[in-house]
Amino acid sequence: MKFALLICVVVTSTVTVAYKCCHPNQLESTMVQFGSYYDTERGGNVATDVSTVHYDFYADKIVTIDSTTRIINDFTLNAQYIIIDERVCLKADLPGTYNDFACIPDDGIDRGVVSLGGDLLHGRTYEVNSVFETSNATEYITVTEDECIPVLVDHLSVHPQMSQLRSIGFYNLTLGLKDPSLFDVPLICYEAKAVTFQEAASVGSDILKWVSRRGR
């Protein structure tokens, strides 16, 4: 079972207008997630996922991709496109702004400096509220001190439909974009099936079966 690949996991409160730091304007990384969840339909389980995340400040978009799913988060249109196997597209309203998902909010609590690889690199951990799924969510986000590059996120959320405890590591980080076409919304999304952001988050990798059950 995989975690939902709904958006880059570094997420913050939508009411924040000032930030301690933001990720580089164009950044790509491999994300490795593991943890556990409990939801009302499937019960409890342990989940893992390996994906890539792509930030583009200039396009106002963040994209996440795994072996079957590409998710385009377009903050200009406040729309999230969930594309499965490049043949089915679902569309959800997207809460927040680009900076809510790519920056450390000014009201984040500084939890101190951490060592990343001995004395060669240092990071700083912040405690923030998450806009993902519910206000009853907390994340501990570790970024590099010099460039605010994401290193680790520990996420805890409690929601009536699904609660999660997971850890997300960022690896193979590179600046710039290798393939800008990943941010292009395909034609199939112009007739996308509509779901809410919370519905998409709760059903995760079973989203096609869920849409079929709803008869949309």
C-alpha atoms as a PDB file:
ATOM      1  CA  MET A   1       0.000   0.000   0.000  1.00  0.00           C
ATOM      2  CA  LYS A   2       1.284   3.440  -0.898  1.00  0.00           C
ATOM      3  CA  PHE A   3       0.757   6.850   0.604  1.00  0.00           C
ATOM      4  CA  ALA A   4      -1.251   9.317  -1.417  1.00  0.00           C
ATOM      5  CA  LEU A   5       1.020  11.359  -3.680  1.00  0.00           C
ATOM      6  CA  LEU A   6      -1.125  14.414  -3.378  1.00  0.00           C
ATOM      7  CA  ILE A   7       1.363  17.189  -3.002  1.00  0.00           C
ATOM      8  CA  CYS A   8       4.812  17.883  -1.865  1.00  0.00           C
ATOM      9  CA  VAL A   9       4.756  17.209   1.817  1.00  0.00           C
ATOM     10  CA  VAL A  10       6.401  20.370   3.036  1.00  0.00           C
ATOM     11  CA  VAL A  11       3.174  22.200   3.761  1.00  0.00           C
ATOM     12  CA  THR A  12       2.222  25.043   6.042  1.00  0.00           C
ATOM     13  CA  SER A  13      -0.635  27.211   7.240  1.00  0.00           C
ATOM     14  CA  THR A  14      -2.491  29.171   4.557  1.00  0.00           C
ATOM     15  CA  VAL A  15      -2.870  32.225   6.798  1.00  0.00           C
ATOM     16  CA  THR A  16       0.868  32.855   7.013  1.00  0.00           C
ATOM     17  CA  VAL A  17       2.185  35.743   4.884  1.00  0.00           C
ATOM     18  CA  ALA A  18       5.783  35.890   6.143  1.00  0.00           C
ATOM     19  CA  TYR A  19       8.362  33.132   5.899  1.00  0.00           C
ATOM     20  CA  LYS A  20      11.612  32.202   7.604  1.00  0.00           C
ATOM     21  CA  CYS A  21      12.980  30.753   4.363  1.00  0.00           C
ATOM     22  CA  CYS A  22      11.874  29.183   1.082  1.00  0.00           C
ATOM     23  CA  HIS A  23      13.254  26.362  -1.052  1.00  0.00           C
ATOM     24  CA  PRO A  24      15.285  27.231  -4.170  1.00  0.00           C
ATOM     25  CA  ASN A  25      13.065  28.466  -7.014  1.00  0.00           C
ATOM     26  CA  GLN A  26      13.602  25.358  -9.145  1.00  0.00           C
ATOM     27  CA  LEU A  27      14.378  22.120  -7.347  1.00  0.00           C
ATOM     28  CA  GLU A  28      13.975  18.383  -7.964  1.00  0.00           C
ATOM     29  CA  SER A  29      14.341  15.504  -5.529  1.00  0.00           C
ATOM     30  CA  THR A  30      13.526  11.881  -4.835  1.00  0.00           C
ATOM     31  CA  MET A  31      11.116  11.474  -1.905  1.00  0.00           C
ATOM     32  CA  VAL A  32      11.051   8.293   0.176  1.00  0.00           C
ATOM     33  CA  GLN A  33       8.079   7.963   2.533  1.00  0.00           C
ATOM     34  CA  PHE A  34       7.272   5.356   5.159  1.00  0.00           C
ATOM     35  CA  GLY A  35       4.899   5.179   8.068  1.00  0.00           C
ATOM     36  CA  SER A  36       1.445   3.996   9.073  1.00  0.00           C
ATOM     37  CA  TYR A  37      -2.147   5.124   8.686  1.00  0.00           C
ATOM     38  CA  TYR A  38      -5.666   4.270   9.757  1.00  0.00           C
ATOM     39  CA  ASP A  39      -8.783   5.091   7.780  1.00  0.00           C
ATOM     40  CA  THR A  40     -12.468   4.255   8.176  1.00  0.00           C
ATOM     41  CA  GLU A  41     -12.671   2.075   5.024  1.00  0.00           C
ATOM     42  CA  ARG A  42      -9.443   0.062   5.051  1.00  0.00           C
ATOM     43  CA  GLY A  43      -8.439   0.001   8.708  1.00  0.00           C
ATOM     44  CA  GLY A  44      -4.763   0.290   9.648  1.00  0.00           C
ATOM     45  CA  ASN A  45      -1.723  -0.480   7.548  1.00  0.00           C
ATOM     46  CA  VAL A  46       1.948   0.276   7.030  1.00  0.00           C
ATOM     47  CA  ALA A  47       2.743   2.193   3.858  1.00  0.00           C
ATOM     48  CA  THR A  48       5.810   3.081   1.803  1.00  0.00           C
ATOM     49  CA  ASP A  49       6.299   5.140  -1.324  1.00  0.00           C
ATOM     50  CA  VAL A  50       9.123   6.343  -3.564  1.00  0.00           C
ATOM     51  CA  SER A  51       8.430   9.293  -5.817  1.00  0.00           C
ATOM     52  CA  THR A  52       9.964  12.438  -7.254  1.00  0.00           C
ATOM     53  CA  VAL A  53       9.010  16.028  -6.515  1.00  0.00           C
ATOM     54  CA  HIS A  54       9.598  19.007  -8.802  1.00  0.00           C
ATOM     55  CA  TYR A  55       9.321  22.664  -7.717  1.00  0.00           C
ATOM     56  CA  ASP A  56       8.991  25.550 -10.160  1.00  0.00           C
ATOM     57  CA  PHE A  57       8.439  28.921  -8.499  1.00  0.00           C
ATOM     58  CA  TYR A  58       8.268  30.718 -11.862  1.00  0.00           C
ATOM     59  CA  ALA A  59       5.470  28.463 -13.177  1.00  0.00           C
ATOM     60  CA  ASP A  60       3.746  28.535  -9.770  1.00  0.00           C
ATOM     61  CA  LYS A  61       3.539  24.727  -9.812  1.00  0.00           C
ATOM     62  CA  ILE A  62       4.708  21.700  -7.838  1.00  0.00           C
ATOM     63  CA  VAL A  63       4.603  18.223  -9.393  1.00  0.00           C
ATOM     64  CA  THR A  64       4.895  14.805  -7.712  1.00  0.00           C
ATOM     65  CA  ILE A  65       5.373  11.594  -9.702  1.00  0.00           C
ATOM     66  CA  ASP A  66       5.523   7.885  -8.939  1.00  0.00           C
ATOM     67  CA  SER A  67       5.340   4.791 -11.153  1.00  0.00           C
ATOM     68  CA  THR A  68       1.651   5.276 -12.028  1.00  0.00           C
ATOM     69  CA  THR A  69       0.583   8.745 -10.942  1.00  0.00           C
ATOM     70  CA  ARG A  70       1.572  12.314 -11.841  1.00  0.00           C
ATOM     71  CA  ILE A  71       0.067  15.090  -9.750  1.00  0.00           C
ATOM     72  CA  ILE A  72       0.263  18.674 -10.976  1.00  0.00           C
ATOM     73  CA  ASN A  73      -0.417  21.316  -8.352  1.00  0.00           C
ATOM     74  CA  ASP A  74      -1.178  24.551 -10.220  1.00  0.00           C
ATOM     75  CA  PHE A  75      -1.366  27.420  -7.735  1.00  0.00           C
ATOM     76  CA  THR A  76      -2.174  29.992 -10.416  1.00  0.00           C
ATOM     77  CA  LEU A  77      -5.483  28.203 -11.024  1.00  0.00           C
ATOM     78  CA  ASN A  78      -5.747  26.757  -7.474  1.00  0.00           C
ATOM     79  CA  ALA A  79      -6.232  23.379  -9.118  1.00  0.00           C
ATOM     80  CA  GLN A  80      -4.740  19.951  -8.528  1.00  0.00           C
ATOM     81  CA  TYR A  81      -4.671  17.441 -11.405  1.00  0.00           C
ATOM     82  CA  ILE A  82      -4.264  13.767 -10.482  1.00  0.00           C
ATOM     83  CA  ILE A  83      -3.215  11.864 -13.614  1.00  0.00           C
ATOM     84  CA  ILE A  84      -3.192   8.054 -13.457  1.00  0.00           C
ATOM     85  CA  ASP A  85      -1.263   6.138 -16.128  1.00  0.00           C
ATOM     86  CA  GLU A  86      -1.572   9.239 -18.329  1.00  0.00           C
ATOM     87  CA  ARG A  87      -5.083   8.063 -19.274  1.00  0.00           C
ATOM     88  CA  VAL A  88      -7.366   9.195 -16.432  1.00  0.00           C
ATOM     89  CA  CYS A  89      -7.413  12.647 -14.843  1.00  0.00           C
ATOM     90  CA  LEU A  90      -9.127  13.834 -11.675  1.00  0.00           C
ATOM     91  CA  LYS A  91      -9.339  17.469 -10.618  1.00  0.00           C
ATOM     92  CA  ALA A  92      -9.547  18.938  -7.114  1.00  0.00           C
ATOM     93  CA  ASP A  93      -9.529  22.454  -5.709  1.00  0.00           C
ATOM     94  CA  LEU A  94      -6.081  23.203  -4.278  1.00  0.00           C
ATOM     95  CA  PRO A  95      -5.852  25.054  -0.952  1.00  0.00           C
ATOM     96  CA  GLY A  96      -3.112  27.540  -0.253  1.00  0.00           C
ATOM     97  CA  THR A  97      -0.405  29.182  -2.357  1.00  0.00           C
ATOM     98  CA  TYR A  98       2.920  28.009  -3.734  1.00  0.00           C
ATOM     99  CA  ASN A  99       4.797  29.528  -0.803  1.00  0.00           C
ATOM    100  CA  ASP A 100       2.559  27.690   1.669  1.00  0.00           C
ATOM    101  CA  PHE A 101       4.004  24.461   0.279  1.00  0.00           C
ATOM    102  CA  ALA A 102       7.594  25.552  -0.381  1.00  0.00           C
ATOM    103  CA  CYS A 103       8.480  27.767   2.586  1.00  0.00           C
ATOM    104  CA  ILE A 104       8.890  27.622   6.332  1.00  0.00           C
ATOM    105  CA  PRO A 105       6.257  29.948   7.851  1.00  0.00           C
ATOM    106  CA  ASP A 106       7.363  32.780  10.081  1.00  0.00           C
ATOM    107  CA  ASP A 107       5.332  31.348  12.964  1.00  0.00           C
ATOM    108  CA  GLY A 108       7.090  27.975  12.706  1.00  0.00           C
ATOM    109  CA  ILE A 109       8.698  26.988  16.005  1.00  0.00           C
ATOM    110  CA  ASP A 110      12.485  26.670  15.803  1.00  0.00           C
ATOM    111  CA  ARG A 111      13.437  23.307  17.311  1.00  0.00           C
ATOM    112  CA  GLY A 112      17.179  23.785  16.882  1.00  0.00           C
ATOM    113  CA  VAL A 113      20.150  22.865  14.728  1.00  0.00           C
ATOM    114  CA  VAL A 114      20.853  19.305  13.574  1.00  0.00           C
ATOM    115  CA  SER A 115      24.028  17.856  12.093  1.00  0.00           C
ATOM    116  CA  LEU A 116      23.757  16.408   8.585  1.00  0.00           C
ATOM    117  CA  GLY A 117      26.829  14.327   7.859  1.00  0.00           C
ATOM    118  CA  GLY A 118      29.073  15.366  10.721  1.00  0.00           C
ATOM    119  CA  ASP A 119      30.282  18.960  10.725  1.00  0.00           C
ATOM    120  CA  LEU A 120      30.124  19.322   6.939  1.00  0.00           C
ATOM    121  CA  LEU A 121      26.472  20.374   6.751  1.00  0.00           C
ATOM    122  CA  HIS A 122      23.974  21.693   9.265  1.00  0.00           C
ATOM    123  CA  GLY A 123      20.217  21.840   9.173  1.00  0.00           C
ATOM    124  CA  ARG A 124      17.489  23.375  11.273  1.00  0.00           C
ATOM    125  CA  THR A 125      14.211  21.768  12.330  1.00  0.00           C
ATOM    126  CA  TYR A 126      10.933  23.681  12.557  1.00  0.00           C
ATOM    127  CA  GLU A 127       7.570  22.643  13.984  1.00  0.00           C
ATOM    128  CA  VAL A 128       4.687  23.864  11.800  1.00  0.00           C
ATOM    129  CA  ASN A 129       0.955  23.372  11.388  1.00  0.00           C
ATOM    130  CA  SER A 130      -0.025  21.653   8.155  1.00  0.00           C
ATOM    131  CA  VAL A 131      -2.675  22.646   5.613  1.00  0.00           C
ATOM    132  CA  PHE A 132      -2.755  19.013   4.447  1.00  0.00           C
ATOM    133  CA  GLU A 133      -6.154  17.406   5.153  1.00  0.00           C
ATOM    134  CA  THR A 134      -6.900  19.108   8.491  1.00  0.00           C
ATOM    135  CA  SER A 135      -5.746  21.749  10.947  1.00  0.00           C
ATOM    136  CA  ASN A 136      -5.109  18.892  13.409  1.00  0.00           C
ATOM    137  CA  ALA A 137      -1.767  18.138  11.780  1.00  0.00           C
ATOM    138  CA  THR A 138       1.793  18.844  12.839  1.00  0.00           C
ATOM    139  CA  GLU A 139       5.007  18.539  10.867  1.00  0.00           C
ATOM    140  CA  TYR A 140       8.629  18.688  11.919  1.00  0.00           C
ATOM    141  CA  ILE A 141      10.503  19.973   8.881  1.00  0.00           C
ATOM    142  CA  THR A 142      14.296  19.874   8.628  1.00  0.00           C
ATOM    143  CA  VAL A 143      15.975  22.077   6.013  1.00  0.00           C
ATOM    144  CA  THR A 144      19.578  23.059   5.340  1.00  0.00           C
ATOM    145  CA  GLU A 145      20.567  26.251   7.114  1.00  0.00           C
ATOM    146  CA  ASP A 146      22.143  27.957   4.126  1.00  0.00           C
ATOM    147  CA  GLU A 147      19.645  27.345   1.276  1.00  0.00           C
ATOM    148  CA  CYS A 148      16.482  26.014   2.970  1.00  0.00           C
ATOM    149  CA  ILE A 149      16.704  22.759   0.995  1.00  0.00           C
ATOM    150  CA  PRO A 150      14.300  20.105   2.386  1.00  0.00           C
ATOM    151  CA  VAL A 151      15.937  17.139   4.106  1.00  0.00           C
ATOM    152  CA  LEU A 152      13.333  15.421   6.300  1.00  0.00           C
ATOM    153  CA  VAL A 153       9.666  15.807   7.221  1.00  0.00           C
ATOM    154  CA  ASP A 154       7.911  13.978  10.075  1.00  0.00           C
ATOM    155  CA  HIS A 155       4.138  14.258   9.648  1.00  0.00           C
ATOM    156  CA  LEU A 156       1.364  13.514  12.148  1.00  0.00           C
ATOM    157  CA  SER A 157      -2.280  14.151  11.226  1.00  0.00           C
ATOM    158  CA  VAL A 158      -5.564  13.205  12.874  1.00  0.00           C
ATOM    159  CA  HIS A 159      -8.628  13.286  10.623  1.00  0.00           C
ATOM    160  CA  PRO A 160     -12.112  11.710  10.844  1.00  0.00           C
ATOM    161  CA  GLN A 161     -11.467   9.782   7.609  1.00  0.00           C
ATOM    162  CA  MET A 162      -7.755   9.004   7.894  1.00  0.00           C
ATOM    163  CA  SER A 163      -4.964   9.556  10.427  1.00  0.00           C
ATOM    164  CA  GLN A 164      -1.302   9.279   9.474  1.00  0.00           C
ATOM    165  CA  LEU A 165       2.133   9.077  11.011  1.00  0.00           C
ATOM    166  CA  ARG A 166       4.885   9.169   8.412  1.00  0.00           C
ATOM    167  CA  SER A 167       8.438  10.228   7.719  1.00  0.00           C
ATOM    168  CA  ILE A 168       9.620  11.625   4.379  1.00  0.00           C
ATOM    169  CA  GLY A 169      13.261  11.858   3.332  1.00  0.00           C
ATOM    170  CA  PHE A 170      14.577  13.894   0.386  1.00  0.00           C
ATOM    171  CA  TYR A 171      17.453  12.457  -1.660  1.00  0.00           C
ATOM    172  CA  ASN A 172      19.344  13.156  -4.904  1.00  0.00           C
ATOM    173  CA  LEU A 173      18.458  16.842  -4.811  1.00  0.00           C
ATOM    174  CA  THR A 174      19.360  18.935  -7.847  1.00  0.00           C
ATOM    175  CA  LEU A 175      18.778  22.573  -8.750  1.00  0.00           C
ATOM    176  CA  GLY A 176      16.951  23.439 -11.977  1.00  0.00           C
ATOM    177  CA  LEU A 177      14.528  21.337 -14.038  1.00  0.00           C
ATOM    178  CA  LYS A 178      15.521  18.456 -16.302  1.00  0.00           C
ATOM    179  CA  ASP A 179      12.138  18.169 -18.056  1.00  0.00           C
ATOM    180  CA  PRO A 180       9.837  21.224 -17.876  1.00  0.00           C
ATOM    181  CA  SER A 181       7.138  19.300 -19.784  1.00  0.00           C
ATOM    182  CA  LEU A 182       6.304  17.459 -16.551  1.00  0.00           C
ATOM    183  CA  PHE A 183       4.449  20.627 -15.531  1.00  0.00           C
ATOM    184  CA  ASP A 184       2.208  20.600 -18.626  1.00  0.00           C
ATOM    185  CA  VAL A 185      -1.432  19.692 -17.965  1.00  0.00           C
ATOM    186  CA  PRO A 186      -2.549  17.021 -20.508  1.00  0.00           C
ATOM    187  CA  LEU A 187      -5.644  17.422 -22.656  1.00  0.00           C
ATOM    188  CA  ILE A 188      -7.505  14.667 -20.777  1.00  0.00           C
ATOM    189  CA  CYS A 189      -7.637  16.957 -17.733  1.00  0.00           C
ATOM    190  CA  TYR A 190      -9.950  19.412 -19.472  1.00  0.00           C
ATOM    191  CA  GLU A 191     -12.739  16.875 -18.881  1.00  0.00           C
ATOM    192  CA  ALA A 192     -11.434  15.710 -15.523  1.00  0.00           C
ATOM    193  CA  LYS A 193     -13.628  14.007 -12.948  1.00  0.00           C
ATOM    194  CA  ALA A 194     -14.153  16.262  -9.933  1.00  0.00           C
ATOM    195  CA  VAL A 195     -13.106  15.253  -6.409  1.00  0.00           C
ATOM    196  CA  THR A 196     -12.371  17.330  -3.317  1.00  0.00           C
ATOM    197  CA  PHE A 197      -8.855  17.732  -1.970  1.00  0.00           C
ATOM    198  CA  GLN A 198      -9.848  15.888   1.215  1.00  0.00           C
ATOM    199  CA  GLU A 199     -11.458  13.028  -0.745  1.00  0.00           C
ATOM    200  CA  ALA A 200      -8.371  12.593  -2.880  1.00  0.00           C
ATOM    201  CA  ALA A 201      -6.165  12.574   0.228  1.00  0.00           C
ATOM    202  CA  SER A 202      -8.284   9.967   1.990  1.00  0.00           C
ATOM    203  CA  VAL A 203      -8.455   7.411  -0.819  1.00  0.00           C
ATOM    204  CA  GLY A 204      -4.799   7.557  -1.873  1.00  0.00           C
ATOM    205  CA  SER A 205      -3.687   4.918  -4.366  1.00  0.00           C
ATOM    206  CA  ASP A 206      -7.179   3.334  -4.517  1.00  0.00           C
ATOM    207  CA  ILE A 207      -8.646   6.460  -6.101  1.00  0.00           C
ATOM    208  CA  LEU A 208      -9.733   4.804  -9.382  1.00  0.00           C
ATOM    209  CA  LYS A 209     -11.780   2.170  -7.564  1.00  0.00           C
ATOM    210  CA  TRP A 210     -13.266   4.883  -5.367  1.00  0.00           C
ATOM    211  CA  VAL A 211     -14.340   6.982  -8.365  1.00  0.00           C
ATOM    212  CA  SER A 212     -15.903   3.898  -9.959  1.00  0.00           C
ATOM    213  CA  ARG A 213     -17.885   3.183  -6.794  1.00  0.00           C
ATOM    214  CA  ARG A 214     -19.195   6.731  -6.755  1.00  0.00           C
ATOM    215  CA  GLY A 215     -20.379   6.385 -10.356  1.00  0.00           C
ATOM    216  CA  ARG A 216     -18.741   9.580 -11.564  1.00  0.00           C
END
